[in-house]
Amino acid sequence: MSMIADILLVAGALGATFYCYILSRRLSRFSNLENGMGGAVAVLSVQVDEMTKALGEAQALSKDSATSLEQLTGRAEAAAARIELLLASMHDLDELENRGPAARRDRGTVRRTRRARQAKMLEAAE
């Protein structure tokens, strides 16, 4: 009986040795930097660094674009205000000419006050 126990103990030890040998080979292949999982981790680490740099550059460019867009929007709003003033003044001219000769005589005073008002509105818009 003791002999059978010793044989089984040696067989178990040999089985464990074989299993450890196979695991060590698999682990060495797994952590191989050229074509194992270690290589994949190294490549992904480099890619993450590159993507971080690219993201920083993209954020800087978008910030510059946003600033430029704000400036252009401000200029467009100022131009729209000037166009509205010009359209309103053209509308006033049409009304004066449709009123008759008395309104045409007063046209100079209306124009002066309108120009002063336009200048004030342009200064306020800028």
N, C-alpha and C. Protein backbone atom coordinates (compact mmCIF):
# COMPACT_ATOMS: atom_id res chain seq x y z
N MET A 1 0.82 -1.17 0.00
CA MET A 1 0.00 0.00 0.00
C MET A 1 0.88 1.25 0.00
N SER A 2 1.93 1.20 0.73
CA SER A 2 2.84 2.31 0.79
C SER A 2 3.50 2.53 -0.57
N MET A 3 3.76 1.43 -1.27
CA MET A 3 4.37 1.52 -2.59
C MET A 3 3.42 2.21 -3.57
N ILE A 4 2.15 1.93 -3.49
CA ILE A 4 1.16 2.53 -4.39
C ILE A 4 1.06 4.03 -4.07
N ALA A 5 1.11 4.37 -2.78
CA ALA A 5 1.03 5.77 -2.40
C ALA A 5 2.25 6.53 -2.92
N ASP A 6 3.42 5.92 -2.84
CA ASP A 6 4.63 6.57 -3.35
C ASP A 6 4.57 6.76 -4.86
N ILE A 7 4.07 5.75 -5.57
CA ILE A 7 3.95 5.85 -7.03
C ILE A 7 2.96 6.97 -7.40
N LEU A 8 1.86 7.04 -6.70
CA LEU A 8 0.87 8.10 -6.98
C LEU A 8 1.45 9.49 -6.64
N LEU A 9 2.23 9.57 -5.58
CA LEU A 9 2.85 10.83 -5.19
C LEU A 9 3.87 11.28 -6.24
N VAL A 10 4.68 10.35 -6.75
CA VAL A 10 5.64 10.68 -7.81
C VAL A 10 4.91 11.06 -9.08
N ALA A 11 3.83 10.37 -9.42
CA ALA A 11 3.05 10.69 -10.62
C ALA A 11 2.44 12.09 -10.50
N GLY A 12 1.92 12.43 -9.32
CA GLY A 12 1.36 13.76 -9.10
C GLY A 12 2.43 14.84 -9.22
N ALA A 13 3.62 14.56 -8.67
CA ALA A 13 4.71 15.53 -8.75
C ALA A 13 5.14 15.73 -10.20
N LEU A 14 5.23 14.62 -10.96
CA LEU A 14 5.59 14.74 -12.38
C LEU A 14 4.51 15.50 -13.16
N GLY A 15 3.26 15.26 -12.86
CA GLY A 15 2.16 15.98 -13.51
C GLY A 15 2.22 17.48 -13.20
N ALA A 16 2.49 17.82 -11.94
CA ALA A 16 2.60 19.23 -11.55
C ALA A 16 3.79 19.88 -12.22
N THR A 17 4.91 19.13 -12.34
CA THR A 17 6.09 19.66 -13.01
C THR A 17 5.79 19.95 -14.48
N PHE A 18 5.14 19.00 -15.14
CA PHE A 18 4.78 19.18 -16.56
C PHE A 18 3.84 20.38 -16.72
N TYR A 19 2.87 20.50 -15.81
CA TYR A 19 1.91 21.61 -15.88
C TYR A 19 2.63 22.95 -15.66
N CYS A 20 3.54 23.05 -14.72
CA CYS A 20 4.30 24.28 -14.48
C CYS A 20 5.18 24.63 -15.67
N TYR A 21 5.77 23.61 -16.31
CA TYR A 21 6.61 23.84 -17.49
C TYR A 21 5.77 24.45 -18.62
N ILE A 22 4.60 23.92 -18.83
CA ILE A 22 3.72 24.44 -19.90
C ILE A 22 3.27 25.87 -19.55
N LEU A 23 2.92 26.11 -18.31
CA LEU A 23 2.51 27.46 -17.92
C LEU A 23 3.64 28.47 -18.10
N SER A 24 4.87 28.09 -17.77
CA SER A 24 5.98 29.04 -17.92
C SER A 24 6.23 29.36 -19.38
N ARG A 25 6.09 28.38 -20.27
CA ARG A 25 6.24 28.65 -21.71
C ARG A 25 5.15 29.58 -22.21
N ARG A 26 3.92 29.32 -21.78
CA ARG A 26 2.81 30.19 -22.21
C ARG A 26 3.00 31.61 -21.68
N LEU A 27 3.43 31.74 -20.44
CA LEU A 27 3.64 33.06 -19.86
C LEU A 27 4.77 33.80 -20.55
N SER A 28 5.83 33.10 -20.92
CA SER A 28 6.93 33.77 -21.62
C SER A 28 6.48 34.22 -23.02
N ARG A 29 5.64 33.44 -23.68
CA ARG A 29 5.10 33.86 -24.99
C ARG A 29 4.12 35.02 -24.82
N PHE A 30 3.37 34.99 -23.73
CA PHE A 30 2.39 36.04 -23.47
C PHE A 30 3.06 37.38 -23.23
N SER A 31 4.15 37.39 -22.49
CA SER A 31 4.81 38.65 -22.16
C SER A 31 5.92 39.01 -23.13
N ASN A 32 6.07 38.31 -24.22
CA ASN A 32 7.06 38.61 -25.24
C ASN A 32 6.75 39.98 -25.83
N LEU A 33 7.75 40.87 -25.91
CA LEU A 33 7.51 42.24 -26.37
C LEU A 33 7.32 42.33 -27.88
N GLU A 34 7.78 41.37 -28.64
CA GLU A 34 7.69 41.48 -30.09
C GLU A 34 6.33 41.06 -30.62
N ASN A 35 5.84 39.90 -30.20
CA ASN A 35 4.57 39.44 -30.77
C ASN A 35 3.62 38.90 -29.72
N GLY A 36 3.87 39.16 -28.47
CA GLY A 36 2.96 38.72 -27.42
C GLY A 36 2.09 39.86 -26.94
N MET A 37 1.47 39.64 -25.79
CA MET A 37 0.60 40.65 -25.21
C MET A 37 1.40 41.86 -24.75
N GLY A 38 2.65 41.66 -24.33
CA GLY A 38 3.50 42.78 -23.92
C GLY A 38 3.73 43.74 -25.06
N GLY A 39 3.93 43.19 -26.26
CA GLY A 39 4.10 44.04 -27.44
C GLY A 39 2.85 44.84 -27.74
N ALA A 40 1.70 44.19 -27.58
CA ALA A 40 0.44 44.88 -27.83
C ALA A 40 0.24 46.02 -26.83
N VAL A 41 0.59 45.78 -25.58
CA VAL A 41 0.45 46.83 -24.56
C VAL A 41 1.40 47.98 -24.86
N ALA A 42 2.63 47.68 -25.29
CA ALA A 42 3.59 48.73 -25.62
C ALA A 42 3.10 49.57 -26.80
N VAL A 43 2.56 48.91 -27.82
CA VAL A 43 2.05 49.63 -28.98
C VAL A 43 0.86 50.51 -28.59
N LEU A 44 -0.03 49.97 -27.79
CA LEU A 44 -1.19 50.76 -27.37
C LEU A 44 -0.77 51.95 -26.51
N SER A 45 0.25 51.79 -25.71
CA SER A 45 0.74 52.90 -24.89
C SER A 45 1.27 54.03 -25.77
N VAL A 46 2.00 53.68 -26.82
CA VAL A 46 2.51 54.69 -27.75
C VAL A 46 1.35 55.38 -28.47
N GLN A 47 0.36 54.60 -28.87
CA GLN A 47 -0.79 55.18 -29.56
C GLN A 47 -1.57 56.13 -28.65
N VAL A 48 -1.68 55.79 -27.38
CA VAL A 48 -2.38 56.67 -26.44
C VAL A 48 -1.63 57.99 -26.31
N ASP A 49 -0.32 57.94 -26.25
CA ASP A 49 0.47 59.17 -26.18
C ASP A 49 0.27 60.03 -27.42
N GLU A 50 0.28 59.40 -28.58
CA GLU A 50 0.07 60.16 -29.83
C GLU A 50 -1.32 60.76 -29.89
N MET A 51 -2.32 60.01 -29.45
CA MET A 51 -3.69 60.53 -29.48
C MET A 51 -3.86 61.68 -28.48
N THR A 52 -3.16 61.62 -27.35
CA THR A 52 -3.22 62.71 -26.38
C THR A 52 -2.65 63.99 -26.98
N LYS A 53 -1.54 63.87 -27.68
CA LYS A 53 -0.94 65.04 -28.34
C LYS A 53 -1.88 65.58 -29.41
N ALA A 54 -2.47 64.69 -30.21
CA ALA A 54 -3.38 65.13 -31.27
C ALA A 54 -4.60 65.81 -30.69
N LEU A 55 -5.10 65.30 -29.57
CA LEU A 55 -6.26 65.91 -28.93
C LEU A 55 -5.92 67.30 -28.41
N GLY A 56 -4.74 67.47 -27.84
CA GLY A 56 -4.32 68.80 -27.38
C GLY A 56 -4.24 69.79 -28.52
N GLU A 57 -3.69 69.37 -29.65
CA GLU A 57 -3.61 70.25 -30.82
C GLU A 57 -5.00 70.60 -31.34
N ALA A 58 -5.89 69.61 -31.38
CA ALA A 58 -7.25 69.86 -31.86
C ALA A 58 -7.99 70.83 -30.95
N GLN A 59 -7.77 70.71 -29.64
CA GLN A 59 -8.41 71.65 -28.71
C GLN A 59 -7.89 73.06 -28.91
N ALA A 60 -6.60 73.20 -29.13
CA ALA A 60 -6.03 74.53 -29.37
C ALA A 60 -6.59 75.14 -30.65
N LEU A 61 -6.69 74.34 -31.70
CA LEU A 61 -7.25 74.84 -32.96
C LEU A 61 -8.72 75.23 -32.82
N SER A 62 -9.48 74.43 -32.08
CA SER A 62 -10.90 74.76 -31.92
C SER A 62 -11.07 76.02 -31.09
N LYS A 63 -10.17 76.25 -30.13
CA LYS A 63 -10.24 77.48 -29.34
C LYS A 63 -9.96 78.69 -30.22
N ASP A 64 -8.96 78.58 -31.10
CA ASP A 64 -8.67 79.67 -32.03
C ASP A 64 -9.83 79.92 -32.97
N SER A 65 -10.44 78.84 -33.46
CA SER A 65 -11.58 78.97 -34.37
C SER A 65 -12.76 79.63 -33.67
N ALA A 66 -12.98 79.28 -32.41
CA ALA A 66 -14.10 79.87 -31.67
C ALA A 66 -13.87 81.37 -31.48
N THR A 67 -12.64 81.76 -31.18
CA THR A 67 -12.33 83.19 -31.01
C THR A 67 -12.56 83.93 -32.32
N SER A 68 -12.09 83.36 -33.41
CA SER A 68 -12.26 83.98 -34.72
C SER A 68 -13.74 84.09 -35.07
N LEU A 69 -14.50 83.04 -34.76
CA LEU A 69 -15.93 83.05 -35.05
C LEU A 69 -16.66 84.11 -34.24
N GLU A 70 -16.26 84.30 -32.99
CA GLU A 70 -16.86 85.35 -32.17
C GLU A 70 -16.60 86.73 -32.76
N GLN A 71 -15.38 86.96 -33.22
CA GLN A 71 -15.05 88.24 -33.82
C GLN A 71 -15.86 88.47 -35.09
N LEU A 72 -15.96 87.45 -35.92
CA LEU A 72 -16.73 87.59 -37.16
C LEU A 72 -18.21 87.80 -36.87
N THR A 73 -18.73 87.16 -35.84
CA THR A 73 -20.13 87.36 -35.47
C THR A 73 -20.36 88.79 -35.02
N GLY A 74 -19.43 89.32 -34.25
CA GLY A 74 -19.56 90.72 -33.82
C GLY A 74 -19.55 91.68 -34.99
N ARG A 75 -18.66 91.43 -35.94
CA ARG A 75 -18.62 92.29 -37.13
C ARG A 75 -19.91 92.17 -37.94
N ALA A 76 -20.44 90.95 -38.04
CA ALA A 76 -21.68 90.75 -38.80
C ALA A 76 -22.85 91.45 -38.12
N GLU A 77 -22.90 91.41 -36.79
CA GLU A 77 -23.98 92.09 -36.08
C GLU A 77 -23.89 93.60 -36.27
N ALA A 78 -22.67 94.14 -36.25
CA ALA A 78 -22.50 95.58 -36.47
C ALA A 78 -22.93 95.95 -37.90
N ALA A 79 -22.57 95.12 -38.86
CA ALA A 79 -22.96 95.39 -40.25
C ALA A 79 -24.48 95.30 -40.41
N ALA A 80 -25.09 94.34 -39.72
CA ALA A 80 -26.55 94.20 -39.80
C ALA A 80 -27.23 95.43 -39.20
N ALA A 81 -26.67 95.97 -38.13
CA ALA A 81 -27.24 97.18 -37.53
C ALA A 81 -27.15 98.35 -38.49
N ARG A 82 -26.00 98.47 -39.17
CA ARG A 82 -25.84 99.55 -40.16
C ARG A 82 -26.83 99.39 -41.32
N ILE A 83 -27.00 98.16 -41.77
CA ILE A 83 -27.94 97.92 -42.88
C ILE A 83 -29.36 98.26 -42.46
N GLU A 84 -29.72 97.90 -41.22
CA GLU A 84 -31.05 98.24 -40.74
C GLU A 84 -31.25 99.75 -40.70
N LEU A 85 -30.22 100.48 -40.27
CA LEU A 85 -30.32 101.94 -40.26
C LEU A 85 -30.47 102.49 -41.68
N LEU A 86 -29.72 101.95 -42.61
CA LEU A 86 -29.82 102.41 -43.99
C LEU A 86 -31.21 102.11 -44.57
N LEU A 87 -31.74 100.93 -44.28
CA LEU A 87 -33.08 100.60 -44.78
C LEU A 87 -34.13 101.51 -44.16
N ALA A 88 -33.99 101.80 -42.88
CA ALA A 88 -34.94 102.69 -42.24
C ALA A 88 -34.86 104.09 -42.83
N SER A 89 -33.64 104.56 -43.12
CA SER A 89 -33.51 105.88 -43.71
C SER A 89 -34.07 105.91 -45.13
N MET A 90 -33.91 104.85 -45.87
CA MET A 90 -34.49 104.79 -47.22
C MET A 90 -36.02 104.79 -47.14
N HIS A 91 -36.56 104.12 -46.16
CA HIS A 91 -38.00 104.10 -45.98
C HIS A 91 -38.51 105.50 -45.63
N ASP A 92 -37.77 106.22 -44.80
CA ASP A 92 -38.15 107.59 -44.45
C ASP A 92 -38.10 108.50 -45.67
N LEU A 93 -37.13 108.32 -46.55
CA LEU A 93 -37.03 109.14 -47.76
C LEU A 93 -38.23 108.91 -48.66
N ASP A 94 -38.65 107.65 -48.79
CA ASP A 94 -39.81 107.35 -49.64
C ASP A 94 -41.07 108.01 -49.08
N GLU A 95 -41.24 108.01 -47.76
CA GLU A 95 -42.42 108.64 -47.16
C GLU A 95 -42.41 110.15 -47.39
N LEU A 96 -41.24 110.78 -47.28
CA LEU A 96 -41.15 112.22 -47.47
C LEU A 96 -41.47 112.60 -48.91
N GLU A 97 -41.02 111.84 -49.84
CA GLU A 97 -41.28 112.19 -51.24
C GLU A 97 -42.74 111.96 -51.61
N ASN A 98 -43.40 111.06 -50.93
CA ASN A 98 -44.82 110.80 -51.21
C ASN A 98 -45.75 111.81 -50.55
N ARG A 99 -45.26 112.62 -49.61
CA ARG A 99 -46.12 113.57 -48.90
C ARG A 99 -46.42 114.82 -49.71
N GLY A 100 -45.50 115.30 -50.45
CA GLY A 100 -45.76 116.50 -51.23
C GLY A 100 -44.67 117.53 -51.06
N PRO A 101 -44.89 118.75 -51.64
CA PRO A 101 -43.85 119.78 -51.63
C PRO A 101 -43.51 120.30 -50.23
N ALA A 102 -44.46 120.37 -49.33
CA ALA A 102 -44.18 120.90 -47.98
C ALA A 102 -43.21 119.97 -47.25
N ALA A 103 -43.40 118.70 -47.41
CA ALA A 103 -42.51 117.73 -46.74
C ALA A 103 -41.12 117.77 -47.35
N ARG A 104 -41.04 118.09 -48.63
CA ARG A 104 -39.73 118.15 -49.29
C ARG A 104 -38.91 119.32 -48.75
N ARG A 105 -39.58 120.43 -48.39
CA ARG A 105 -38.87 121.57 -47.85
C ARG A 105 -38.28 121.24 -46.47
N ASP A 106 -39.00 120.46 -45.69
CA ASP A 106 -38.53 120.09 -44.34
C ASP A 106 -37.53 118.93 -44.39
N ARG A 107 -37.27 118.47 -45.54
CA ARG A 107 -36.43 117.27 -45.69
C ARG A 107 -35.02 117.46 -45.13
N GLY A 108 -34.45 118.66 -45.26
CA GLY A 108 -33.10 118.91 -44.78
C GLY A 108 -33.00 118.77 -43.27
N THR A 109 -33.95 119.28 -42.53
CA THR A 109 -33.89 119.18 -41.07
C THR A 109 -34.05 117.73 -40.62
N VAL A 110 -34.89 116.99 -41.31
CA VAL A 110 -35.09 115.57 -40.96
C VAL A 110 -33.80 114.81 -41.21
N ARG A 111 -33.15 115.13 -42.30
CA ARG A 111 -31.93 114.42 -42.65
C ARG A 111 -30.84 114.68 -41.61
N ARG A 112 -30.73 115.93 -41.14
CA ARG A 112 -29.69 116.24 -40.17
C ARG A 112 -29.92 115.51 -38.85
N THR A 113 -31.13 115.50 -38.39
CA THR A 113 -31.40 114.81 -37.13
C THR A 113 -31.23 113.30 -37.32
N ARG A 114 -31.62 112.82 -38.47
CA ARG A 114 -31.49 111.39 -38.72
C ARG A 114 -30.01 111.01 -38.79
N ARG A 115 -29.18 111.85 -39.43
CA ARG A 115 -27.75 111.54 -39.49
C ARG A 115 -27.13 111.57 -38.10
N ALA A 116 -27.50 112.51 -37.29
CA ALA A 116 -26.97 112.56 -35.93
C ALA A 116 -27.40 111.32 -35.15
N ARG A 117 -28.65 110.93 -35.32
CA ARG A 117 -29.16 109.74 -34.64
C ARG A 117 -28.43 108.49 -35.15
N GLN A 118 -28.17 108.42 -36.46
CA GLN A 118 -27.44 107.29 -37.02
C GLN A 118 -26.02 107.23 -36.48
N ALA A 119 -25.37 108.36 -36.36
CA ALA A 119 -24.01 108.39 -35.83
C ALA A 119 -23.98 107.89 -34.39
N LYS A 120 -24.96 108.33 -33.59
CA LYS A 120 -25.02 107.86 -32.21
C LYS A 120 -25.26 106.36 -32.14
N MET A 121 -26.14 105.86 -32.99
CA MET A 121 -26.44 104.41 -32.97
C MET A 121 -25.23 103.61 -33.43
N LEU A 122 -24.48 104.11 -34.42
CA LEU A 122 -23.28 103.40 -34.87
C LEU A 122 -22.22 103.38 -33.80
N GLU A 123 -22.06 104.50 -33.08
CA GLU A 123 -21.08 104.54 -32.00
C GLU A 123 -21.47 103.55 -30.90
N ALA A 124 -22.76 103.46 -30.62
CA ALA A 124 -23.23 102.53 -29.57
C ALA A 124 -23.06 101.09 -30.03
N ALA A 125 -23.23 100.82 -31.33
CA ALA A 125 -23.09 99.45 -31.84
C ALA A 125 -21.65 99.00 -31.83
N GLU A 126 -20.73 99.92 -32.02
CA GLU A 126 -19.30 99.53 -32.05
C GLU A 126 -18.80 99.42 -30.66
